[in-house]
Protein backbone atom coordinates (compact mmCIF):
# COMPACT_ATOMS: atom_id res chain seq x y z
CA UNK A 1 -10.85 145.52 -111.88
CA UNK A 2 -10.47 148.39 -109.62
CA UNK A 3 -10.89 145.63 -106.75
CA UNK A 4 -8.24 143.28 -108.43
CA UNK A 5 -5.29 146.79 -108.27
CA UNK A 6 -6.51 147.18 -104.94
CA UNK A 7 -5.78 143.80 -104.20
CA UNK A 8 -2.47 143.95 -105.59
CA UNK A 9 -1.45 146.63 -103.78
CA UNK A 10 -2.37 145.35 -100.62
CA UNK A 11 -0.46 142.62 -101.45
CA UNK A 12 2.93 144.58 -102.46
CA UNK A 13 2.54 146.73 -99.59
CA UNK A 14 1.87 143.22 -97.36
CA UNK A 15 5.07 142.42 -99.08
CA UNK A 16 6.79 145.51 -98.26
CA UNK A 17 5.95 145.43 -95.05
CA UNK A 18 6.80 141.50 -94.46
CA UNK A 19 10.86 142.23 -96.19
CA UNK A 20 11.24 145.58 -93.81
CA UNK A 21 9.93 143.27 -90.93
CA UNK A 22 12.31 140.28 -92.10
CA UNK A 23 15.15 142.50 -92.30
CA UNK A 24 14.90 144.07 -89.26
CA UNK A 25 15.10 140.52 -87.71
CA UNK A 26 17.98 139.54 -89.39
CA UNK A 27 19.94 142.84 -88.59
CA UNK A 28 18.98 142.35 -84.81
CA UNK A 29 20.31 138.87 -85.13
CA UNK A 30 23.34 140.13 -87.07
CA UNK A 31 24.29 142.81 -84.33
CA UNK A 32 23.17 140.16 -81.46
CA UNK A 33 25.79 137.90 -82.61
CA UNK A 34 28.26 140.58 -83.63
CA UNK A 35 28.00 142.13 -80.00
CA UNK A 36 28.28 138.32 -78.37
CA UNK A 37 31.63 137.62 -80.85
CA UNK A 38 33.05 140.85 -79.47
CA UNK A 39 32.58 140.15 -76.55
CA UNK A 40 34.31 136.98 -76.56
CA UNK A 41 37.00 138.28 -78.56
CA UNK A 42 37.50 141.00 -75.93
CA UNK A 43 36.95 137.74 -72.97
CA UNK A 44 39.95 136.08 -74.90
CA UNK A 45 42.25 139.01 -75.33
CA UNK A 46 42.12 139.89 -71.72
CA UNK A 47 42.93 136.13 -71.03
CA UNK A 48 45.87 136.36 -73.49
CA UNK A 49 47.39 139.58 -72.14
CA UNK A 50 46.58 138.12 -68.57
CA UNK A 51 49.07 135.13 -69.46
CA UNK A 52 51.44 136.99 -71.49
CA UNK A 53 52.19 139.46 -68.11
CA UNK A 54 52.01 136.44 -65.75
CA UNK A 55 55.02 134.96 -68.10
CA UNK A 56 56.56 138.64 -68.36
CA UNK A 57 56.42 138.70 -64.62
CA UNK A 58 58.01 135.44 -64.18
CA UNK A 59 60.70 135.90 -66.58
CA UNK A 60 61.66 139.17 -64.58
CA UNK A 61 62.02 137.00 -61.49
CA UNK A 62 63.95 134.67 -63.12
CA UNK A 63 66.31 137.45 -64.50
CA UNK A 64 66.72 139.28 -61.13
CA UNK A 65 67.62 135.53 -59.37
CA UNK A 66 70.19 135.32 -62.35
CA UNK A 67 71.36 138.82 -62.12
CA UNK A 68 71.88 138.23 -58.44
CA UNK A 69 73.64 135.03 -59.05
CA UNK A 70 75.97 136.83 -61.29
CA UNK A 71 76.57 139.59 -58.76
CA UNK A 72 77.27 136.97 -56.13
CA UNK A 73 79.68 135.05 -58.29
CA UNK A 74 81.41 138.78 -59.34
CA UNK A 75 81.60 139.52 -55.81
CA UNK A 76 83.43 136.22 -55.24
CA UNK A 77 85.98 136.24 -58.09
CA UNK A 78 86.61 139.97 -56.75
CA UNK A 79 87.36 138.80 -53.70
CA UNK A 80 89.94 135.95 -54.64
CA UNK A 81 91.60 138.60 -57.32
CA UNK A 82 91.81 141.25 -54.64
CA UNK A 83 93.12 138.54 -51.97
CA UNK A 84 96.06 137.64 -54.76
């Protein structure tokens, strides 16, 4: 009877150890995947920010060009008005 109890205790201990080992493996896999996903997301966000910064820079250049053209047009009209 004692040997059966000892066997059962050993089996229970082994089962708990196996459960803990497997839990650690799963947690490690989860954390590894989480880090990979966070890194991937960070890279995507950096790319999006860079693209938006580039688009903003292009828009600022276009706005500056338009402002210059409007200023030229104003100067021409102002000169013509002064001549009248």
